[in-house]
Amino acid sequence: MAWIETVPPEEATGTLKRIYDDAVRRAGRVYNIIRLQSARPRVLRASVRLYTEIMYSPESGLSRAEREMIATTVSRVNGCFY
């Protein structure tokens, strides 16, 4: 099994700390999917922006519930528990 070094929330500084703080405000904690990208805060920031645009944009023809249902179905088909 692969191992990826991550930065724990209590050790985060700068951009990464801001991203982690936003994650806590949004979801109540820093999920591992965020921590996995912690070694590259700029890449993580771009990833979070993409996710936010895809899942929350009012310009989509889909509701938030429909987008979540699609994401859940795709994760299930791919055997991913996220």
N, C-alpha and C. Protein backbone atom coordinates (compact mmCIF):
# COMPACT_ATOMS: atom_id res chain seq x y z
N MET A 1 0.84 -1.17 0.00
CA MET A 1 0.00 0.00 0.00
C MET A 1 0.90 1.25 0.00
N ALA A 2 0.53 2.22 -0.78
CA ALA A 2 1.29 3.47 -0.86
C ALA A 2 1.07 4.31 0.40
N TRP A 3 2.06 5.12 0.70
CA TRP A 3 1.96 6.02 1.85
C TRP A 3 2.28 7.43 1.38
N ILE A 4 1.44 8.36 1.69
CA ILE A 4 1.65 9.76 1.32
C ILE A 4 1.80 10.57 2.59
N GLU A 5 2.93 11.27 2.71
CA GLU A 5 3.15 12.14 3.86
C GLU A 5 2.17 13.32 3.78
N THR A 6 1.52 13.61 4.87
CA THR A 6 0.58 14.73 4.91
C THR A 6 0.97 15.68 6.03
N VAL A 7 0.45 16.89 5.95
CA VAL A 7 0.68 17.89 6.98
C VAL A 7 -0.55 17.91 7.89
N PRO A 8 -0.37 17.57 9.17
CA PRO A 8 -1.51 17.61 10.09
C PRO A 8 -2.01 19.04 10.27
N PRO A 9 -3.29 19.21 10.53
CA PRO A 9 -3.85 20.56 10.69
C PRO A 9 -3.10 21.42 11.71
N GLU A 10 -2.65 20.82 12.80
CA GLU A 10 -1.97 21.61 13.83
C GLU A 10 -0.58 22.09 13.39
N GLU A 11 -0.05 21.55 12.30
CA GLU A 11 1.25 21.97 11.79
C GLU A 11 1.16 22.85 10.54
N ALA A 12 -0.04 23.07 10.05
CA ALA A 12 -0.22 23.84 8.81
C ALA A 12 0.07 25.31 9.04
N THR A 13 0.67 25.94 8.03
CA THR A 13 0.94 27.37 8.06
C THR A 13 0.58 27.97 6.71
N GLY A 14 0.50 29.28 6.66
CA GLY A 14 0.30 30.00 5.41
C GLY A 14 -0.94 29.57 4.64
N THR A 15 -0.76 29.35 3.34
CA THR A 15 -1.86 28.97 2.45
C THR A 15 -2.54 27.70 2.93
N LEU A 16 -1.75 26.72 3.32
CA LEU A 16 -2.33 25.45 3.77
C LEU A 16 -3.20 25.65 5.01
N LYS A 17 -2.76 26.46 5.94
CA LYS A 17 -3.56 26.73 7.13
C LYS A 17 -4.89 27.38 6.75
N ARG A 18 -4.86 28.31 5.81
CA ARG A 18 -6.11 28.96 5.37
C ARG A 18 -7.05 27.93 4.72
N ILE A 19 -6.49 27.03 3.92
CA ILE A 19 -7.31 26.01 3.28
C ILE A 19 -7.90 25.08 4.33
N TYR A 20 -7.09 24.66 5.29
CA TYR A 20 -7.58 23.80 6.36
C TYR A 20 -8.66 24.51 7.18
N ASP A 21 -8.43 25.78 7.51
CA ASP A 21 -9.43 26.54 8.28
C ASP A 21 -10.74 26.63 7.51
N ASP A 22 -10.67 26.86 6.20
CA ASP A 22 -11.88 26.89 5.36
C ASP A 22 -12.58 25.54 5.38
N ALA A 23 -11.79 24.46 5.32
CA ALA A 23 -12.37 23.11 5.34
C ALA A 23 -13.13 22.87 6.64
N VAL A 24 -12.56 23.30 7.75
CA VAL A 24 -13.21 23.13 9.05
C VAL A 24 -14.51 23.94 9.09
N ARG A 25 -14.48 25.16 8.58
CA ARG A 25 -15.72 25.98 8.55
C ARG A 25 -16.78 25.33 7.66
N ARG A 26 -16.35 24.76 6.54
CA ARG A 26 -17.28 24.19 5.58
C ARG A 26 -17.81 22.82 6.02
N ALA A 27 -16.91 21.97 6.54
CA ALA A 27 -17.29 20.57 6.79
C ALA A 27 -17.11 20.13 8.24
N GLY A 28 -16.62 21.00 9.09
CA GLY A 28 -16.44 20.63 10.48
C GLY A 28 -15.12 19.97 10.80
N ARG A 29 -14.35 19.60 9.78
CA ARG A 29 -13.04 18.98 9.97
C ARG A 29 -12.28 18.97 8.65
N VAL A 30 -11.02 18.56 8.70
CA VAL A 30 -10.20 18.43 7.50
C VAL A 30 -10.21 16.96 7.09
N TYR A 31 -10.93 16.66 6.04
CA TYR A 31 -11.02 15.28 5.57
C TYR A 31 -9.71 14.86 4.90
N ASN A 32 -9.46 13.54 4.90
CA ASN A 32 -8.23 13.00 4.32
C ASN A 32 -8.06 13.37 2.85
N ILE A 33 -9.13 13.50 2.11
CA ILE A 33 -9.03 13.84 0.69
C ILE A 33 -8.35 15.20 0.53
N ILE A 34 -8.52 16.08 1.50
CA ILE A 34 -7.83 17.38 1.51
C ILE A 34 -6.39 17.20 2.00
N ARG A 35 -6.22 16.46 3.06
CA ARG A 35 -4.87 16.26 3.62
C ARG A 35 -3.93 15.58 2.64
N LEU A 36 -4.46 14.72 1.77
CA LEU A 36 -3.60 14.02 0.81
C LEU A 36 -2.84 14.97 -0.11
N GLN A 37 -3.37 16.15 -0.30
CA GLN A 37 -2.73 17.12 -1.19
C GLN A 37 -1.96 18.20 -0.42
N SER A 38 -1.78 18.00 0.87
CA SER A 38 -1.22 19.05 1.72
C SER A 38 0.24 19.39 1.42
N ALA A 39 0.97 18.50 0.78
CA ALA A 39 2.37 18.79 0.45
C ALA A 39 2.48 19.84 -0.65
N ARG A 40 1.39 20.06 -1.38
CA ARG A 40 1.37 21.03 -2.48
C ARG A 40 0.19 21.98 -2.31
N PRO A 41 0.28 22.95 -1.39
CA PRO A 41 -0.86 23.82 -1.09
C PRO A 41 -1.44 24.55 -2.30
N ARG A 42 -0.60 24.99 -3.23
CA ARG A 42 -1.14 25.69 -4.41
C ARG A 42 -1.97 24.76 -5.27
N VAL A 43 -1.53 23.52 -5.41
CA VAL A 43 -2.30 22.54 -6.17
C VAL A 43 -3.60 22.22 -5.43
N LEU A 44 -3.50 22.07 -4.11
CA LEU A 44 -4.68 21.82 -3.29
C LEU A 44 -5.68 22.96 -3.43
N ARG A 45 -5.19 24.20 -3.39
CA ARG A 45 -6.09 25.35 -3.54
C ARG A 45 -6.83 25.29 -4.88
N ALA A 46 -6.12 24.95 -5.96
CA ALA A 46 -6.75 24.83 -7.28
C ALA A 46 -7.77 23.70 -7.29
N SER A 47 -7.45 22.59 -6.63
CA SER A 47 -8.36 21.46 -6.56
C SER A 47 -9.65 21.82 -5.81
N VAL A 48 -9.49 22.53 -4.70
CA VAL A 48 -10.65 22.96 -3.91
C VAL A 48 -11.51 23.93 -4.72
N ARG A 49 -10.87 24.83 -5.44
CA ARG A 49 -11.63 25.77 -6.28
C ARG A 49 -12.41 25.03 -7.37
N LEU A 50 -11.78 24.04 -8.00
CA LEU A 50 -12.47 23.25 -9.03
C LEU A 50 -13.66 22.52 -8.42
N TYR A 51 -13.44 21.84 -7.29
CA TYR A 51 -14.53 21.14 -6.62
C TYR A 51 -15.68 22.09 -6.28
N THR A 52 -15.33 23.24 -5.72
CA THR A 52 -16.35 24.21 -5.34
C THR A 52 -17.14 24.68 -6.56
N GLU A 53 -16.45 24.94 -7.64
CA GLU A 53 -17.13 25.38 -8.87
C GLU A 53 -18.06 24.29 -9.39
N ILE A 54 -17.59 23.05 -9.39
CA ILE A 54 -18.41 21.95 -9.90
C ILE A 54 -19.62 21.69 -9.01
N MET A 55 -19.42 21.68 -7.70
CA MET A 55 -20.48 21.27 -6.80
C MET A 55 -21.42 22.40 -6.35
N TYR A 56 -20.96 23.64 -6.39
CA TYR A 56 -21.77 24.73 -5.83
C TYR A 56 -22.19 25.80 -6.83
N SER A 57 -21.68 25.75 -8.05
CA SER A 57 -21.98 26.81 -9.01
C SER A 57 -23.47 26.88 -9.33
N PRO A 58 -24.04 28.07 -9.24
CA PRO A 58 -25.46 28.22 -9.59
C PRO A 58 -25.69 28.18 -11.11
N GLU A 59 -24.61 28.18 -11.89
CA GLU A 59 -24.73 28.16 -13.35
C GLU A 59 -25.02 26.78 -13.91
N SER A 60 -24.91 25.75 -13.10
CA SER A 60 -25.16 24.38 -13.55
C SER A 60 -26.65 24.16 -13.75
N GLY A 61 -26.99 23.29 -14.65
CA GLY A 61 -28.38 22.92 -14.86
C GLY A 61 -28.85 21.87 -13.86
N LEU A 62 -27.94 21.41 -13.00
CA LEU A 62 -28.27 20.39 -12.02
C LEU A 62 -28.37 21.00 -10.63
N SER A 63 -29.22 20.41 -9.81
CA SER A 63 -29.30 20.85 -8.42
C SER A 63 -28.10 20.29 -7.66
N ARG A 64 -27.85 20.83 -6.48
CA ARG A 64 -26.77 20.31 -5.65
C ARG A 64 -27.02 18.84 -5.32
N ALA A 65 -28.26 18.50 -5.03
CA ALA A 65 -28.60 17.10 -4.71
C ALA A 65 -28.30 16.18 -5.89
N GLU A 66 -28.63 16.62 -7.10
CA GLU A 66 -28.34 15.81 -8.29
C GLU A 66 -26.84 15.62 -8.48
N ARG A 67 -26.07 16.69 -8.25
CA ARG A 67 -24.61 16.59 -8.38
C ARG A 67 -24.05 15.63 -7.34
N GLU A 68 -24.55 15.68 -6.11
CA GLU A 68 -24.09 14.77 -5.07
C GLU A 68 -24.46 13.33 -5.41
N MET A 69 -25.65 13.14 -5.96
CA MET A 69 -26.08 11.79 -6.34
C MET A 69 -25.17 11.22 -7.44
N ILE A 70 -24.81 12.04 -8.41
CA ILE A 70 -23.90 11.59 -9.47
C ILE A 70 -22.53 11.25 -8.89
N ALA A 71 -22.02 12.11 -8.02
CA ALA A 71 -20.71 11.86 -7.41
C ALA A 71 -20.72 10.58 -6.59
N THR A 72 -21.79 10.36 -5.85
CA THR A 72 -21.91 9.14 -5.02
C THR A 72 -21.98 7.90 -5.90
N THR A 73 -22.75 7.96 -6.96
CA THR A 73 -22.89 6.83 -7.87
C THR A 73 -21.56 6.50 -8.54
N VAL A 74 -20.87 7.51 -9.02
CA VAL A 74 -19.57 7.29 -9.67
C VAL A 74 -18.57 6.70 -8.68
N SER A 75 -18.55 7.23 -7.46
CA SER A 75 -17.66 6.68 -6.43
C SER A 75 -17.97 5.22 -6.16
N ARG A 76 -19.23 4.90 -6.07
CA ARG A 76 -19.65 3.52 -5.80
C ARG A 76 -19.22 2.60 -6.94
N VAL A 77 -19.46 3.02 -8.17
CA VAL A 77 -19.09 2.21 -9.34
C VAL A 77 -17.57 1.99 -9.37
N ASN A 78 -16.82 3.02 -8.97
CA ASN A 78 -15.35 2.93 -8.97
C ASN A 78 -14.79 2.27 -7.71
N GLY A 79 -15.65 1.87 -6.79
CA GLY A 79 -15.19 1.22 -5.56
C GLY A 79 -14.49 2.16 -4.61
N CYS A 80 -14.83 3.45 -4.68
CA CYS A 80 -14.21 4.47 -3.83
C CYS A 80 -15.17 4.82 -2.71
N PHE A 81 -14.69 4.78 -1.46
CA PHE A 81 -15.59 5.06 -0.34
C PHE A 81 -15.77 6.55 -0.11
N TYR A 82 -15.07 7.42 -0.86
CA TYR A 82 -15.31 8.85 -0.74
C TYR A 82 -16.53 9.16 -1.54
